[in-house]
Amino acid sequence: MNQSMGPKVVVADTNGIVRETISAHLERHCGATVVAQTKDGYQTLKSCRQLLPDLLLLDMAVSHPNGTEVLTRLRAPLPSMKVIVVSDDPKISTAFVALSQGVVSILSRSASADDYVNAVRAAVSGHTYLPVKLVQEFVHARRKFIRSGNIFGLSSREIEVLEAWLGGSSSKELANSLDISVRTVETHRHNIYRKTDCSSIQELERIMMTI
């Protein structure tokens, strides 16, 4: 990253006013050069591949394709590009997935303009910038890791249920294979969702890499 000239940045956000405001703020306070403002996944992919920015500021709410797909498609061709993501309500489960995909900083939708500046400055310096709430959740998760051997505090039986569940097994099949009741299987599923802070099986599939 060329720090003397300031980073080249692509700002991807679904809201035009946000794109313009953040772009102006970064150019004014970070010495950044915003080389493109994009509103969807397609424009973001095209701009990053053509302009080779130092940093991508990515609203995870973009579509066609979505933010997660954008990260996946850009990781291999642009390994040195730093990425800051903006999410409605960053959760520890989605944070782990994002960080594993090369994201250096995570901002909430309610972040201030100064938060954006601090995140960009941290990225330029090779550091990570996270919301205080998320850092506190990481600390709590670390304690769970020490106690249980996995970052979400899942029991060995819950991990067993999760693996079988993601493998396509139904509740009845799980109950039969584990010699437990269907109700117990559903209790384990509820606990898995609660502990991982996930709300869908797709999110659970993505966090399996961290267990």
C-alpha atoms as a PDB file:
ATOM      1  CA  MET A   1       0.000   0.000   0.000  1.00  0.00           C
ATOM      2  CA  ASN A   2       1.382   3.377  -0.985  1.00  0.00           C
ATOM      3  CA  GLN A   3       1.172   5.277   2.285  1.00  0.00           C
ATOM      4  CA  SER A   4       3.003   8.388   1.075  1.00  0.00           C
ATOM      5  CA  MET A   5       0.300   9.103  -1.507  1.00  0.00           C
ATOM      6  CA  GLY A   6      -2.532   7.751   0.609  1.00  0.00           C
ATOM      7  CA  PRO A   7      -4.433   4.547  -0.138  1.00  0.00           C
ATOM      8  CA  LYS A   8      -6.527   4.024  -3.256  1.00  0.00           C
ATOM      9  CA  VAL A   9     -10.003   3.118  -2.039  1.00  0.00           C
ATOM     10  CA  VAL A  10     -13.186   1.667  -3.529  1.00  0.00           C
ATOM     11  CA  VAL A  11     -16.278   2.578  -1.506  1.00  0.00           C
ATOM     12  CA  ALA A  12     -19.115   0.094  -2.004  1.00  0.00           C
ATOM     13  CA  ASP A  13     -22.414   0.984  -0.344  1.00  0.00           C
ATOM     14  CA  THR A  14     -26.070   0.624  -1.270  1.00  0.00           C
ATOM     15  CA  ASN A  15     -26.820   4.188  -0.166  1.00  0.00           C
ATOM     16  CA  GLY A  16     -25.642   6.952  -2.491  1.00  0.00           C
ATOM     17  CA  ILE A  17     -25.522   9.629   0.199  1.00  0.00           C
ATOM     18  CA  VAL A  18     -23.434   7.363   2.434  1.00  0.00           C
ATOM     19  CA  ARG A  19     -21.042   6.626  -0.448  1.00  0.00           C
ATOM     20  CA  GLU A  20     -20.508  10.312  -1.176  1.00  0.00           C
ATOM     21  CA  THR A  21     -20.240  11.371   2.472  1.00  0.00           C
ATOM     22  CA  ILE A  22     -17.767   8.672   3.471  1.00  0.00           C
ATOM     23  CA  SER A  23     -15.708   9.135   0.304  1.00  0.00           C
ATOM     24  CA  ALA A  24     -15.362  12.874   0.936  1.00  0.00           C
ATOM     25  CA  HIS A  25     -14.513  12.285   4.601  1.00  0.00           C
ATOM     26  CA  LEU A  26     -11.812   9.732   3.798  1.00  0.00           C
ATOM     27  CA  GLU A  27     -10.232  11.951   1.152  1.00  0.00           C
ATOM     28  CA  ARG A  28     -10.244  14.909   3.507  1.00  0.00           C
ATOM     29  CA  HIS A  29      -8.994  13.195   6.668  1.00  0.00           C
ATOM     30  CA  CYS A  30      -7.007  10.150   5.462  1.00  0.00           C
ATOM     31  CA  GLY A  31      -5.409  11.479   2.310  1.00  0.00           C
ATOM     32  CA  ALA A  32      -7.218   8.639   0.528  1.00  0.00           C
ATOM     33  CA  THR A  33      -7.997   8.641  -3.168  1.00  0.00           C
ATOM     34  CA  VAL A  34     -11.448   7.166  -3.758  1.00  0.00           C
ATOM     35  CA  VAL A  35     -11.053   5.622  -7.202  1.00  0.00           C
ATOM     36  CA  ALA A  36     -14.626   4.300  -7.415  1.00  0.00           C
ATOM     37  CA  GLN A  37     -17.984   4.427  -5.675  1.00  0.00           C
ATOM     38  CA  THR A  38     -20.119   1.345  -6.304  1.00  0.00           C
ATOM     39  CA  LYS A  39     -23.675   0.402  -5.373  1.00  0.00           C
ATOM     40  CA  ASP A  40     -23.804  -3.356  -5.979  1.00  0.00           C
ATOM     41  CA  GLY A  41     -21.684  -6.495  -6.059  1.00  0.00           C
ATOM     42  CA  TYR A  42     -21.132  -6.495  -9.826  1.00  0.00           C
ATOM     43  CA  GLN A  43     -19.832  -2.909  -9.931  1.00  0.00           C
ATOM     44  CA  THR A  44     -17.623  -3.625  -6.929  1.00  0.00           C
ATOM     45  CA  LEU A  45     -16.033  -6.717  -8.479  1.00  0.00           C
ATOM     46  CA  LYS A  46     -15.454  -4.900 -11.780  1.00  0.00           C
ATOM     47  CA  SER A  47     -13.951  -1.804 -10.148  1.00  0.00           C
ATOM     48  CA  CYS A  48     -11.614  -3.760  -7.879  1.00  0.00           C
ATOM     49  CA  ARG A  49     -10.358  -5.968 -10.704  1.00  0.00           C
ATOM     50  CA  GLN A  50      -9.761  -3.029 -13.032  1.00  0.00           C
ATOM     51  CA  LEU A  51      -8.493  -0.378 -10.614  1.00  0.00           C
ATOM     52  CA  LEU A  52      -6.569  -2.586  -8.143  1.00  0.00           C
ATOM     53  CA  PRO A  53      -7.289  -0.493  -5.035  1.00  0.00           C
ATOM     54  CA  ASP A  54      -5.293  -0.758  -1.830  1.00  0.00           C
ATOM     55  CA  LEU A  55      -8.477  -0.941   0.194  1.00  0.00           C
ATOM     56  CA  LEU A  56     -12.130  -1.874  -0.285  1.00  0.00           C
ATOM     57  CA  LEU A  57     -14.782  -0.448   2.029  1.00  0.00           C
ATOM     58  CA  LEU A  58     -17.611  -2.960   1.563  1.00  0.00           C
ATOM     59  CA  ASP A  59     -21.229  -2.671   2.683  1.00  0.00           C
ATOM     60  CA  MET A  60     -22.210  -6.316   3.273  1.00  0.00           C
ATOM     61  CA  ALA A  61     -25.774  -5.438   2.226  1.00  0.00           C
ATOM     62  CA  VAL A  62     -24.796  -5.074  -1.448  1.00  0.00           C
ATOM     63  CA  SER A  63     -26.498  -7.503  -3.817  1.00  0.00           C
ATOM     64  CA  HIS A  64     -25.940  -9.080  -7.254  1.00  0.00           C
ATOM     65  CA  PRO A  65     -23.800 -10.728  -5.869  1.00  0.00           C
ATOM     66  CA  ASN A  66     -23.977 -10.252  -2.086  1.00  0.00           C
ATOM     67  CA  GLY A  67     -21.168  -9.078   0.161  1.00  0.00           C
ATOM     68  CA  THR A  68     -20.030 -12.558   1.161  1.00  0.00           C
ATOM     69  CA  GLU A  69     -19.750 -13.609  -2.485  1.00  0.00           C
ATOM     70  CA  VAL A  70     -17.820 -10.440  -3.326  1.00  0.00           C
ATOM     71  CA  LEU A  71     -15.278 -11.274  -0.618  1.00  0.00           C
ATOM     72  CA  THR A  72     -14.927 -14.834  -1.890  1.00  0.00           C
ATOM     73  CA  ARG A  73     -14.404 -13.772  -5.519  1.00  0.00           C
ATOM     74  CA  LEU A  74     -11.820 -11.086  -4.699  1.00  0.00           C
ATOM     75  CA  ARG A  75      -9.703 -12.983  -2.198  1.00  0.00           C
ATOM     76  CA  ALA A  76      -7.672 -14.998  -4.728  1.00  0.00           C
ATOM     77  CA  PRO A  77      -7.110 -12.390  -7.485  1.00  0.00           C
ATOM     78  CA  LEU A  78      -6.386  -9.522  -5.046  1.00  0.00           C
ATOM     79  CA  PRO A  79      -4.690 -11.042  -1.994  1.00  0.00           C
ATOM     80  CA  SER A  80      -2.958  -7.806  -0.965  1.00  0.00           C
ATOM     81  CA  MET A  81      -6.101  -5.663  -1.064  1.00  0.00           C
ATOM     82  CA  LYS A  82      -7.289  -4.824   2.435  1.00  0.00           C
ATOM     83  CA  VAL A  83     -11.021  -4.997   3.149  1.00  0.00           C
ATOM     84  CA  ILE A  84     -13.155  -3.173   5.704  1.00  0.00           C
ATOM     85  CA  VAL A  85     -16.729  -4.415   5.949  1.00  0.00           C
ATOM     86  CA  VAL A  86     -19.824  -2.627   7.212  1.00  0.00           C
ATOM     87  CA  SER A  87     -22.591  -4.762   8.704  1.00  0.00           C
ATOM     88  CA  ASP A  88     -26.009  -3.996  10.204  1.00  0.00           C
ATOM     89  CA  ASP A  89     -25.195  -5.686  13.514  1.00  0.00           C
ATOM     90  CA  PRO A  90     -21.793  -7.416  13.520  1.00  0.00           C
ATOM     91  CA  LYS A  91     -21.985 -10.757  15.330  1.00  0.00           C
ATOM     92  CA  ILE A  92     -19.104 -12.876  16.469  1.00  0.00           C
ATOM     93  CA  SER A  93     -20.083 -15.694  14.094  1.00  0.00           C
ATOM     94  CA  THR A  94     -20.070 -13.438  11.019  1.00  0.00           C
ATOM     95  CA  ALA A  95     -16.936 -11.681  12.279  1.00  0.00           C
ATOM     96  CA  PHE A  96     -14.999 -14.961  12.343  1.00  0.00           C
ATOM     97  CA  VAL A  97     -16.062 -15.730   8.791  1.00  0.00           C
ATOM     98  CA  ALA A  98     -15.155 -12.231   7.595  1.00  0.00           C
ATOM     99  CA  LEU A  99     -11.733 -12.248   9.271  1.00  0.00           C
ATOM    100  CA  SER A 100     -11.007 -15.681   7.784  1.00  0.00           C
ATOM    101  CA  GLN A 101     -11.649 -14.155   4.346  1.00  0.00           C
ATOM    102  CA  GLY A 102      -9.021 -11.475   4.788  1.00  0.00           C
ATOM    103  CA  VAL A 103     -11.145  -8.684   6.259  1.00  0.00           C
ATOM    104  CA  VAL A 104      -9.041  -6.358   8.432  1.00  0.00           C
ATOM    105  CA  SER A 105     -11.760  -4.276  10.070  1.00  0.00           C
ATOM    106  CA  ILE A 106     -15.478  -4.487  10.795  1.00  0.00           C
ATOM    107  CA  LEU A 107     -17.804  -1.534  11.312  1.00  0.00           C
ATOM    108  CA  SER A 108     -21.435  -1.427  12.378  1.00  0.00           C
ATOM    109  CA  ARG A 109     -24.029   0.455  10.361  1.00  0.00           C
ATOM    110  CA  SER A 110     -24.226   3.009  13.165  1.00  0.00           C
ATOM    111  CA  ALA A 111     -20.486   3.795  12.999  1.00  0.00           C
ATOM    112  CA  SER A 112     -19.550   7.475  12.893  1.00  0.00           C
ATOM    113  CA  ALA A 113     -17.546   9.120  10.133  1.00  0.00           C
ATOM    114  CA  ASP A 114     -14.564   9.171  12.516  1.00  0.00           C
ATOM    115  CA  ASP A 115     -14.898   5.388  12.956  1.00  0.00           C
ATOM    116  CA  TYR A 116     -14.455   5.013   9.195  1.00  0.00           C
ATOM    117  CA  VAL A 117     -11.360   7.206   9.315  1.00  0.00           C
ATOM    118  CA  ASN A 118      -9.891   5.246  12.221  1.00  0.00           C
ATOM    119  CA  ALA A 119     -10.574   1.942  10.460  1.00  0.00           C
ATOM    120  CA  VAL A 120      -8.835   3.120   7.294  1.00  0.00           C
ATOM    121  CA  ARG A 121      -5.862   4.469   9.243  1.00  0.00           C
ATOM    122  CA  ALA A 122      -5.601   1.161  11.102  1.00  0.00           C
ATOM    123  CA  ALA A 123      -5.709  -0.779   7.831  1.00  0.00           C
ATOM    124  CA  VAL A 124      -2.963   1.389   6.320  1.00  0.00           C
ATOM    125  CA  SER A 125      -0.832   0.726   9.415  1.00  0.00           C
ATOM    126  CA  GLY A 126      -1.468  -3.011   9.235  1.00  0.00           C
ATOM    127  CA  HIS A 127      -3.836  -3.159  12.199  1.00  0.00           C
ATOM    128  CA  THR A 128      -7.384  -4.361  12.784  1.00  0.00           C
ATOM    129  CA  TYR A 129     -10.225  -2.099  13.914  1.00  0.00           C
ATOM    130  CA  LEU A 130     -13.288  -3.634  15.601  1.00  0.00           C
ATOM    131  CA  PRO A 131     -16.306  -2.229  17.473  1.00  0.00           C
ATOM    132  CA  VAL A 132     -15.862  -2.271  21.265  1.00  0.00           C
ATOM    133  CA  LYS A 133     -18.914  -4.528  21.653  1.00  0.00           C
ATOM    134  CA  LEU A 134     -17.437  -7.063  19.261  1.00  0.00           C
ATOM    135  CA  VAL A 135     -14.077  -7.019  21.067  1.00  0.00           C
ATOM    136  CA  GLN A 136     -15.899  -7.726  24.325  1.00  0.00           C
ATOM    137  CA  GLU A 137     -17.645 -10.676  22.667  1.00  0.00           C
ATOM    138  CA  PHE A 138     -14.278 -11.976  21.430  1.00  0.00           C
ATOM    139  CA  VAL A 139     -12.915 -11.855  24.976  1.00  0.00           C
ATOM    140  CA  HIS A 140     -15.950 -13.740  26.247  1.00  0.00           C
ATOM    141  CA  ALA A 141     -15.605 -16.273  23.417  1.00  0.00           C
ATOM    142  CA  ARG A 142     -11.947 -16.797  24.285  1.00  0.00           C
ATOM    143  CA  ARG A 143     -12.974 -17.806  27.791  1.00  0.00           C
ATOM    144  CA  LYS A 144     -15.381 -20.309  26.253  1.00  0.00           C
ATOM    145  CA  PHE A 145     -12.578 -21.634  24.081  1.00  0.00           C
ATOM    146  CA  ILE A 146     -10.358 -22.223  27.094  1.00  0.00           C
ATOM    147  CA  ARG A 147     -13.151 -24.095  28.879  1.00  0.00           C
ATOM    148  CA  SER A 148     -14.573 -26.135  26.024  1.00  0.00           C
ATOM    149  CA  GLY A 149     -11.957 -26.385  23.280  1.00  0.00           C
ATOM    150  CA  ASN A 150     -14.040 -24.485  20.709  1.00  0.00           C
ATOM    151  CA  ILE A 151     -14.696 -20.787  20.379  1.00  0.00           C
ATOM    152  CA  PHE A 152     -18.481 -21.026  20.780  1.00  0.00           C
ATOM    153  CA  GLY A 153     -18.532 -23.191  23.884  1.00  0.00           C
ATOM    154  CA  LEU A 154     -20.333 -26.068  22.169  1.00  0.00           C
ATOM    155  CA  SER A 155     -20.325 -29.406  23.956  1.00  0.00           C
ATOM    156  CA  SER A 156     -18.948 -32.496  22.206  1.00  0.00           C
ATOM    157  CA  ARG A 157     -22.527 -33.754  21.721  1.00  0.00           C
ATOM    158  CA  GLU A 158     -23.605 -30.405  20.237  1.00  0.00           C
ATOM    159  CA  ILE A 159     -20.708 -30.540  17.774  1.00  0.00           C
ATOM    160  CA  GLU A 160     -21.716 -34.097  16.899  1.00  0.00           C
ATOM    161  CA  VAL A 161     -25.305 -32.975  16.278  1.00  0.00           C
ATOM    162  CA  LEU A 162     -24.129 -29.958  14.265  1.00  0.00           C
ATOM    163  CA  GLU A 163     -21.898 -32.058  11.997  1.00  0.00           C
ATOM    164  CA  ALA A 164     -24.660 -34.591  11.348  1.00  0.00           C
ATOM    165  CA  TRP A 165     -27.205 -31.820  10.830  1.00  0.00           C
ATOM    166  CA  LEU A 166     -25.032 -30.050   8.266  1.00  0.00           C
ATOM    167  CA  GLY A 167     -24.491 -33.428   6.622  1.00  0.00           C
ATOM    168  CA  GLY A 168     -28.201 -33.550   5.826  1.00  0.00           C
ATOM    169  CA  SER A 169     -29.511 -35.779   8.616  1.00  0.00           C
ATOM    170  CA  SER A 170     -33.088 -35.189   9.782  1.00  0.00           C
ATOM    171  CA  SER A 171     -34.030 -34.875  13.442  1.00  0.00           C
ATOM    172  CA  LYS A 172     -35.416 -38.401  13.430  1.00  0.00           C
ATOM    173  CA  GLU A 173     -32.277 -39.824  11.795  1.00  0.00           C
ATOM    174  CA  LEU A 174     -30.108 -37.956  14.297  1.00  0.00           C
ATOM    175  CA  ALA A 175     -32.166 -39.253  17.206  1.00  0.00           C
ATOM    176  CA  ASN A 176     -31.863 -42.836  15.967  1.00  0.00           C
ATOM    177  CA  SER A 177     -28.108 -42.645  15.285  1.00  0.00           C
ATOM    178  CA  LEU A 178     -27.324 -40.998  18.636  1.00  0.00           C
ATOM    179  CA  ASP A 179     -29.875 -43.045  20.588  1.00  0.00           C
ATOM    180  CA  ILE A 180     -31.618 -39.950  21.941  1.00  0.00           C
ATOM    181  CA  SER A 181     -35.116 -38.542  21.552  1.00  0.00           C
ATOM    182  CA  VAL A 182     -36.162 -36.176  18.761  1.00  0.00           C
ATOM    183  CA  ARG A 183     -36.966 -33.622  21.456  1.00  0.00           C
ATOM    184  CA  THR A 184     -33.387 -33.832  22.744  1.00  0.00           C
ATOM    185  CA  VAL A 185     -32.075 -33.290  19.211  1.00  0.00           C
ATOM    186  CA  GLU A 186     -34.231 -30.163  18.882  1.00  0.00           C
ATOM    187  CA  THR A 187     -32.931 -28.935  22.248  1.00  0.00           C
ATOM    188  CA  HIS A 188     -29.348 -29.351  21.007  1.00  0.00           C
ATOM    189  CA  ARG A 189     -30.212 -27.433  17.830  1.00  0.00           C
ATOM    190  CA  HIS A 190     -31.713 -24.599  19.836  1.00  0.00           C
ATOM    191  CA  ASN A 191     -28.584 -24.439  22.012  1.00  0.00           C
ATOM    192  CA  ILE A 192     -26.330 -24.438  18.952  1.00  0.00           C
ATOM    193  CA  TYR A 193     -28.167 -21.468  17.461  1.00  0.00           C
ATOM    194  CA  ARG A 194     -28.094 -19.631  20.796  1.00  0.00           C
ATOM    195  CA  LYS A 195     -24.393 -20.210  21.482  1.00  0.00           C
ATOM    196  CA  THR A 196     -23.190 -19.392  17.971  1.00  0.00           C
ATOM    197  CA  ASP A 197     -25.544 -16.424  17.548  1.00  0.00           C
ATOM    198  CA  CYS A 198     -26.525 -17.806  14.145  1.00  0.00           C
ATOM    199  CA  SER A 199     -29.988 -17.591  12.637  1.00  0.00           C
ATOM    200  CA  SER A 200     -29.747 -19.946   9.655  1.00  0.00           C
ATOM    201  CA  ILE A 201     -28.115 -23.200   8.603  1.00  0.00           C
ATOM    202  CA  GLN A 202     -26.110 -21.237   6.003  1.00  0.00           C
ATOM    203  CA  GLU A 203     -24.451 -19.219   8.786  1.00  0.00           C
ATOM    204  CA  LEU A 204     -23.733 -22.441  10.675  1.00  0.00           C
ATOM    205  CA  GLU A 205     -22.025 -23.909   7.610  1.00  0.00           C
ATOM    206  CA  ARG A 206     -19.710 -20.899   7.416  1.00  0.00           C
ATOM    207  CA  ILE A 207     -18.672 -21.003  11.073  1.00  0.00           C
ATOM    208  CA  MET A 208     -17.789 -24.716  10.996  1.00  0.00           C
ATOM    209  CA  MET A 209     -14.281 -23.698   9.910  1.00  0.00           C
ATOM    210  CA  THR A 210     -13.742 -22.084  13.314  1.00  0.00           C
ATOM    211  CA  ILE A 211     -14.716 -25.126  15.394  1.00  0.00           C
END
